[in-house]
Amino acid sequence: MGLDDKIENKAQEATGEAKQTIGEATDDKELQAEGKADQRSANLKQAGQKIKDAFRRK
Protein backbone atom coordinates (compact mmCIF):
# COMPACT_ATOMS: atom_id res chain seq x y z
CA MET A 1 0.00 0.00 0.00
CA GLY A 2 1.39 3.37 -0.95
CA LEU A 3 2.03 5.95 1.69
CA ASP A 4 -0.37 8.36 -0.02
CA ASP A 5 -3.15 5.77 0.13
CA LYS A 6 -2.48 5.07 3.81
CA ILE A 7 -2.62 8.76 4.66
CA GLU A 8 -5.78 9.31 2.63
CA ASN A 9 -7.54 6.33 4.23
CA LYS A 10 -6.56 7.35 7.76
CA ALA A 11 -7.74 10.91 7.07
CA GLN A 12 -11.08 9.60 5.81
CA GLU A 13 -11.40 7.39 8.87
CA ALA A 14 -10.62 10.30 11.21
CA THR A 15 -13.09 12.54 9.41
CA GLY A 16 -15.73 9.85 9.78
CA GLU A 17 -15.05 9.54 13.49
CA ALA A 18 -15.35 13.30 13.90
CA LYS A 19 -18.63 13.42 11.96
CA GLN A 20 -20.04 10.59 14.02
CA THR A 21 -19.02 12.22 17.30
CA ILE A 22 -20.43 15.60 16.29
CA GLY A 23 -23.62 13.91 15.10
CA GLU A 24 -23.99 12.18 18.45
CA ALA A 25 -23.36 15.40 20.35
CA THR A 26 -25.91 17.36 18.30
CA ASP A 27 -28.37 14.46 17.91
CA ASP A 28 -27.94 14.66 14.12
CA LYS A 29 -28.70 11.13 12.92
CA GLU A 30 -27.79 11.95 9.31
CA LEU A 31 -24.31 13.18 10.28
CA GLN A 32 -23.82 10.14 12.49
CA ALA A 33 -24.68 7.83 9.62
CA GLU A 34 -22.41 9.72 7.24
CA GLY A 35 -19.56 9.42 9.72
CA LYS A 36 -20.08 5.69 10.11
CA ALA A 37 -20.19 5.28 6.33
CA ASP A 38 -16.93 7.21 5.93
CA GLN A 39 -15.28 4.98 8.53
CA ARG A 40 -16.53 1.79 6.87
CA SER A 41 -15.36 2.96 3.48
CA ALA A 42 -11.89 3.78 4.79
CA ASN A 43 -11.65 0.45 6.59
CA LEU A 44 -12.65 -1.46 3.46
CA LYS A 45 -10.04 0.38 1.43
CA GLN A 46 -7.39 -0.40 4.04
CA ALA A 47 -8.36 -4.08 4.07
CA GLY A 48 -8.19 -4.24 0.27
CA GLN A 49 -4.76 -2.67 0.24
CA LYS A 50 -3.53 -5.10 2.91
CA ILE A 51 -4.70 -8.04 0.81
CA LYS A 52 -2.91 -6.64 -2.24
CA ASP A 53 0.25 -6.15 -0.18
CA ALA A 54 0.07 -9.72 1.13
CA PHE A 55 -0.09 -11.14 -2.40
CA ARG A 56 2.77 -8.94 -3.57
CA ARG A 57 5.04 -10.25 -0.81
CA LYS A 58 4.53 -13.90 -1.78
C-alpha atoms as a PDB file:
ATOM      1  CA  MET A   1       0.000   0.000   0.000  1.00  0.00           C
ATOM      2  CA  GLY A   2       1.387   3.365  -0.952  1.00  0.00           C
ATOM      3  CA  LEU A   3       2.028   5.952   1.694  1.00  0.00           C
ATOM      4  CA  ASP A   4      -0.372   8.365  -0.018  1.00  0.00           C
ATOM      5  CA  ASP A   5      -3.154   5.767   0.134  1.00  0.00           C
ATOM      6  CA  LYS A   6      -2.482   5.072   3.807  1.00  0.00           C
ATOM      7  CA  ILE A   7      -2.620   8.758   4.663  1.00  0.00           C
ATOM      8  CA  GLU A   8      -5.781   9.311   2.635  1.00  0.00           C
ATOM      9  CA  ASN A   9      -7.536   6.325   4.235  1.00  0.00           C
ATOM     10  CA  LYS A  10      -6.560   7.352   7.759  1.00  0.00           C
ATOM     11  CA  ALA A  11      -7.735  10.906   7.073  1.00  0.00           C
ATOM     12  CA  GLN A  12     -11.078   9.605   5.809  1.00  0.00           C
ATOM     13  CA  GLU A  13     -11.398   7.388   8.865  1.00  0.00           C
ATOM     14  CA  ALA A  14     -10.616  10.297  11.215  1.00  0.00           C
ATOM     15  CA  THR A  15     -13.087  12.537   9.405  1.00  0.00           C
ATOM     16  CA  GLY A  16     -15.732   9.847   9.777  1.00  0.00           C
ATOM     17  CA  GLU A  17     -15.048   9.536  13.486  1.00  0.00           C
ATOM     18  CA  ALA A  18     -15.348  13.296  13.897  1.00  0.00           C
ATOM     19  CA  LYS A  19     -18.626  13.417  11.962  1.00  0.00           C
ATOM     20  CA  GLN A  20     -20.044  10.586  14.025  1.00  0.00           C
ATOM     21  CA  THR A  21     -19.019  12.223  17.304  1.00  0.00           C
ATOM     22  CA  ILE A  22     -20.432  15.603  16.295  1.00  0.00           C
ATOM     23  CA  GLY A  23     -23.616  13.908  15.100  1.00  0.00           C
ATOM     24  CA  GLU A  24     -23.994  12.177  18.448  1.00  0.00           C
ATOM     25  CA  ALA A  25     -23.365  15.405  20.352  1.00  0.00           C
ATOM     26  CA  THR A  26     -25.907  17.355  18.304  1.00  0.00           C
ATOM     27  CA  ASP A  27     -28.375  14.464  17.913  1.00  0.00           C
ATOM     28  CA  ASP A  28     -27.944  14.664  14.116  1.00  0.00           C
ATOM     29  CA  LYS A  29     -28.704  11.135  12.915  1.00  0.00           C
ATOM     30  CA  GLU A  30     -27.786  11.945   9.310  1.00  0.00           C
ATOM     31  CA  LEU A  31     -24.310  13.185  10.282  1.00  0.00           C
ATOM     32  CA  GLN A  32     -23.824  10.138  12.490  1.00  0.00           C
ATOM     33  CA  ALA A  33     -24.684   7.828   9.618  1.00  0.00           C
ATOM     34  CA  GLU A  34     -22.414   9.723   7.237  1.00  0.00           C
ATOM     35  CA  GLY A  35     -19.558   9.424   9.720  1.00  0.00           C
ATOM     36  CA  LYS A  36     -20.078   5.690  10.112  1.00  0.00           C
ATOM     37  CA  ALA A  37     -20.194   5.284   6.329  1.00  0.00           C
ATOM     38  CA  ASP A  38     -16.933   7.210   5.935  1.00  0.00           C
ATOM     39  CA  GLN A  39     -15.279   4.984   8.525  1.00  0.00           C
ATOM     40  CA  ARG A  40     -16.535   1.790   6.874  1.00  0.00           C
ATOM     41  CA  SER A  41     -15.360   2.961   3.480  1.00  0.00           C
ATOM     42  CA  ALA A  42     -11.893   3.783   4.794  1.00  0.00           C
ATOM     43  CA  ASN A  43     -11.650   0.452   6.593  1.00  0.00           C
ATOM     44  CA  LEU A  44     -12.653  -1.461   3.461  1.00  0.00           C
ATOM     45  CA  LYS A  45     -10.040   0.385   1.427  1.00  0.00           C
ATOM     46  CA  GLN A  46      -7.394  -0.403   4.037  1.00  0.00           C
ATOM     47  CA  ALA A  47      -8.360  -4.081   4.067  1.00  0.00           C
ATOM     48  CA  GLY A  48      -8.192  -4.241   0.268  1.00  0.00           C
ATOM     49  CA  GLN A  49      -4.761  -2.667   0.243  1.00  0.00           C
ATOM     50  CA  LYS A  50      -3.530  -5.099   2.907  1.00  0.00           C
ATOM     51  CA  ILE A  51      -4.700  -8.036   0.814  1.00  0.00           C
ATOM     52  CA  LYS A  52      -2.915  -6.638  -2.237  1.00  0.00           C
ATOM     53  CA  ASP A  53       0.252  -6.151  -0.178  1.00  0.00           C
ATOM     54  CA  ALA A  54       0.075  -9.722   1.128  1.00  0.00           C
ATOM     55  CA  PHE A  55      -0.090 -11.139  -2.399  1.00  0.00           C
ATOM     56  CA  ARG A  56       2.771  -8.941  -3.570  1.00  0.00           C
ATOM     57  CA  ARG A  57       5.038 -10.251  -0.810  1.00  0.00           C
ATOM     58  CA  LYS A  58       4.531 -13.903  -1.781  1.00  0.00           C
END
